C-alpha atoms as a PDB file:
ATOM      1  CA  MET A   1      47.841   1.555 -60.839  1.00  0.00           C
ATOM      2  CA  ASP A   2      48.570   5.216 -61.687  1.00  0.00           C
ATOM      3  CA  ALA A   3      51.774   6.654 -60.310  1.00  0.00           C
ATOM      4  CA  LYS A   4      51.270   9.973 -58.578  1.00  0.00           C
ATOM      5  CA  LYS A   5      52.702  12.963 -60.351  1.00  0.00           C
ATOM      6  CA  PRO A   6      54.197  15.855 -58.418  1.00  0.00           C
ATOM      7  CA  ALA A   7      52.128  18.990 -57.970  1.00  0.00           C
ATOM      8  CA  VAL A   8      53.074  21.921 -60.198  1.00  0.00           C
ATOM      9  CA  LEU A   9      53.327  25.501 -58.966  1.00  0.00           C
ATOM     10  CA  VAL A  10      53.586  28.098 -61.738  1.00  0.00           C
ATOM     11  CA  LEU A  11      55.586  31.112 -60.599  1.00  0.00           C
ATOM     12  CA  PRO A  12      54.750  34.247 -62.616  1.00  0.00           C
ATOM     13  CA  GLY A  13      57.107  37.192 -62.668  1.00  0.00           C
ATOM     14  CA  PRO A  14      58.225  39.610 -61.655  1.00  0.00           C
ATOM     15  CA  VAL A  15      58.851  38.431 -58.112  1.00  0.00           C
ATOM     16  CA  ARG A  16      57.565  40.779 -55.434  1.00  0.00           C
ATOM     17  CA  PRO A  17      58.854  40.371 -51.863  1.00  0.00           C
ATOM     18  CA  ASP A  18      55.345  40.654 -50.400  1.00  0.00           C
ATOM     19  CA  GLU A  19      54.298  37.500 -52.326  1.00  0.00           C
ATOM     20  CA  VAL A  20      57.007  35.182 -50.979  1.00  0.00           C
ATOM     21  CA  ALA A  21      55.107  34.128 -47.843  1.00  0.00           C
ATOM     22  CA  GLY A  22      52.093  33.173 -49.971  1.00  0.00           C
ATOM     23  CA  TRP A  23      54.216  31.050 -52.320  1.00  0.00           C
ATOM     24  CA  CYS A  24      55.763  29.290 -49.305  1.00  0.00           C
ATOM     25  CA  ALA A  25      52.283  28.545 -47.942  1.00  0.00           C
ATOM     26  CA  ASP A  26      51.332  27.134 -51.357  1.00  0.00           C
ATOM     27  CA  VAL A  27      54.368  24.816 -51.323  1.00  0.00           C
ATOM     28  CA  ARG A  28      53.467  23.564 -47.826  1.00  0.00           C
ATOM     29  CA  ALA A  29      49.875  22.898 -48.887  1.00  0.00           C
ATOM     30  CA  LEU A  30      50.901  21.114 -52.100  1.00  0.00           C
ATOM     31  CA  LEU A  31      53.334  18.887 -50.229  1.00  0.00           C
ATOM     32  CA  LYS A  32      50.704  18.054 -47.628  1.00  0.00           C
ATOM     33  CA  ASP A  33      48.070  17.185 -50.245  1.00  0.00           C
ATOM     34  CA  GLY A  34      50.282  15.750 -52.995  1.00  0.00           C
ATOM     35  CA  GLY A  35      51.835  12.704 -51.393  1.00  0.00           C
ATOM     36  CA  THR A  36      54.889  12.655 -53.699  1.00  0.00           C
ATOM     37  CA  GLY A  37      57.195  14.821 -51.569  1.00  0.00           C
ATOM     38  CA  VAL A  38      58.002  16.978 -54.609  1.00  0.00           C
ATOM     39  CA  VAL A  39      56.592  20.237 -55.899  1.00  0.00           C
ATOM     40  CA  VAL A  40      57.582  21.186 -59.435  1.00  0.00           C
ATOM     41  CA  CYS A  41      58.086  24.944 -59.701  1.00  0.00           C
ATOM     42  CA  ASP A  42      57.599  26.200 -63.246  1.00  0.00           C
ATOM     43  CA  VAL A  43      59.990  29.155 -63.349  1.00  0.00           C
ATOM     44  CA  GLY A  44      59.719  29.912 -67.066  1.00  0.00           C
ATOM     45  CA  GLY A  45      57.595  32.995 -66.450  1.00  0.00           C
ATOM     46  CA  LEU A  46      59.767  34.598 -63.787  1.00  0.00           C
ATOM     47  CA  GLY A  47      61.580  36.808 -66.256  1.00  0.00           C
ATOM     48  CA  PRO A  48      65.233  37.754 -65.979  1.00  0.00           C
ATOM     49  CA  PRO A  49      66.881  36.150 -62.970  1.00  0.00           C
ATOM     50  CA  GLY A  50      67.949  38.363 -60.122  1.00  0.00           C
ATOM     51  CA  LEU A  51      68.411  38.298 -56.394  1.00  0.00           C
ATOM     52  CA  ALA A  52      64.638  38.401 -55.791  1.00  0.00           C
ATOM     53  CA  VAL A  53      64.265  35.164 -57.788  1.00  0.00           C
ATOM     54  CA  VAL A  54      67.184  33.550 -55.921  1.00  0.00           C
ATOM     55  CA  ASP A  55      65.643  34.588 -52.596  1.00  0.00           C
ATOM     56  CA  LEU A  56      62.245  33.177 -53.593  1.00  0.00           C
ATOM     57  CA  LEU A  57      63.649  29.833 -54.729  1.00  0.00           C
ATOM     58  CA  ALA A  58      65.846  29.510 -51.636  1.00  0.00           C
ATOM     59  CA  ARG A  59      62.851  30.178 -49.380  1.00  0.00           C
ATOM     60  CA  LEU A  60      60.665  27.725 -51.306  1.00  0.00           C
ATOM     61  CA  GLU A  61      63.312  25.018 -51.016  1.00  0.00           C
ATOM     62  CA  LEU A  62      63.737  25.693 -47.286  1.00  0.00           C
ATOM     63  CA  THR A  63      59.969  25.529 -46.811  1.00  0.00           C
ATOM     64  CA  ALA A  64      59.791  22.267 -48.752  1.00  0.00           C
ATOM     65  CA  ARG A  65      62.663  20.717 -46.771  1.00  0.00           C
ATOM     66  CA  ARG A  66      61.045  21.689 -43.482  1.00  0.00           C
ATOM     67  CA  ALA A  67      57.845  19.988 -44.684  1.00  0.00           C
ATOM     68  CA  GLY A  68      59.773  16.823 -45.594  1.00  0.00           C
ATOM     69  CA  GLY A  69      59.893  17.425 -49.349  1.00  0.00           C
ATOM     70  CA  ARG A  70      61.778  19.302 -52.015  1.00  0.00           C
ATOM     71  CA  ILE A  71      61.174  21.423 -55.064  1.00  0.00           C
ATOM     72  CA  ARG A  72      62.177  20.697 -58.632  1.00  0.00           C
ATOM     73  CA  LEU A  73      62.555  23.417 -61.251  1.00  0.00           C
ATOM     74  CA  ARG A  74      60.873  23.330 -64.653  1.00  0.00           C
ATOM     75  CA  ASP A  75      61.719  25.503 -67.655  1.00  0.00           C
ATOM     76  CA  ALA A  76      64.648  27.226 -65.932  1.00  0.00           C
ATOM     77  CA  ASP A  77      66.588  29.720 -68.025  1.00  0.00           C
ATOM     78  CA  PRO A  78      70.339  29.010 -68.415  1.00  0.00           C
ATOM     79  CA  ALA A  79      71.046  32.413 -66.832  1.00  0.00           C
ATOM     80  CA  LEU A  80      69.073  31.304 -63.766  1.00  0.00           C
ATOM     81  CA  HIS A  81      71.146  28.109 -63.566  1.00  0.00           C
ATOM     82  CA  ALA A  82      74.302  30.202 -63.722  1.00  0.00           C
ATOM     83  CA  LEU A  83      73.118  32.622 -61.031  1.00  0.00           C
ATOM     84  CA  LEU A  84      72.025  29.811 -58.710  1.00  0.00           C
ATOM     85  CA  GLY A  85      75.408  28.145 -59.181  1.00  0.00           C
ATOM     86  CA  LEU A  86      77.166  31.436 -58.477  1.00  0.00           C
ATOM     87  CA  VAL A  87      75.425  31.808 -55.120  1.00  0.00           C
ATOM     88  CA  GLY A  88      75.925  28.112 -54.286  1.00  0.00           C
ATOM     89  CA  LEU A  89      72.335  26.885 -54.581  1.00  0.00           C
ATOM     90  CA  ARG A  90      71.628  23.595 -56.320  1.00  0.00           C
ATOM     91  CA  PHE A  91      68.210  22.489 -57.416  1.00  0.00           C
ATOM     92  CA  GLN A  92      66.971  19.394 -59.137  1.00  0.00           C
ATOM     93  CA  VAL A  93      65.766  20.325 -62.618  1.00  0.00           C
ATOM     94  CA  GLU A  94      63.186  18.379 -64.591  1.00  0.00           C
ATOM     95  CA  GLY A  95      64.803  16.353 -67.334  1.00  0.00           C
ATOM     96  CA  GLN A  96      68.174  16.186 -65.615  1.00  0.00           C
ATOM     97  CA  VAL A  97      69.464  13.185 -63.723  1.00  0.00           C
ATOM     98  CA  GLU A  98      70.166  13.768 -60.051  1.00  0.00           C
ATOM     99  CA  GLU A  99      73.866  14.146 -59.331  1.00  0.00           C
ATOM    100  CA  ARG A 100      74.079  10.978 -57.268  1.00  0.00           C
ATOM    101  CA  GLU A 101      72.573   8.823 -59.979  1.00  0.00           C
ATOM    102  CA  PRO A 102      74.386   7.824 -63.171  1.00  0.00           C
ATOM    103  CA  ALA A 103      72.552   8.560 -66.391  1.00  0.00           C
ATOM    104  CA  LEU A 104      70.750   5.558 -67.813  1.00  0.00           C
ATOM    105  CA  GLY A 105      72.641   3.695 -70.519  1.00  0.00           C
ATOM    106  CA  VAL A 106      75.967   5.355 -69.742  1.00  0.00           C
ATOM    107  CA  GLU A 107      78.857   3.054 -69.045  1.00  0.00           C
ATOM    108  CA  GLU A 108      82.329   4.017 -68.030  1.00  0.00           C
ATOM    109  CA  ALA A 109      84.969   2.957 -70.524  1.00  0.00           C
ATOM    110  CA  VAL A 110      87.973   1.059 -69.238  1.00  0.00           C
ATOM    111  CA  GLU A 111      91.265   1.073 -71.067  1.00  0.00           C
ATOM    112  CA  THR A 112      93.073  -2.224 -71.194  1.00  0.00           C
ATOM    113  CA  GLY A 113      96.116  -2.145 -68.999  1.00  0.00           C
ATOM    114  CA  ASP A 114      94.568   0.207 -66.421  1.00  0.00           C
ATOM    115  CA  PRO A 115      95.409  -0.906 -62.881  1.00  0.00           C
ATOM    116  CA  ALA A 116      92.499  -2.128 -60.763  1.00  0.00           C
ATOM    117  CA  VAL A 117      91.281   0.370 -58.217  1.00  0.00           C
END
């Protein structure tokens, strides 16, 4: 049985404010048709991050949440990560473990003599 893969939405740059509503409609449609509850947004082509990119991603995430899903970022520039962190937005990124889940194969070391918690 093949596992469903999330739909991918490639976001080309530069971001224009008049395109945001169309991208949100695309996310809604992909979530409705995809069945995985996730839309992967390939942001590698967005160009230098700025407030227009932050606004777009925030609106896409809000749209996805309202539709019962979420977005995941692919090929995000480190500067985009920094800017999103600066404005307090967190996104799941392909290839990174979700914050609530420990990385596979990682075990916490315990020093002998440590008191039990």
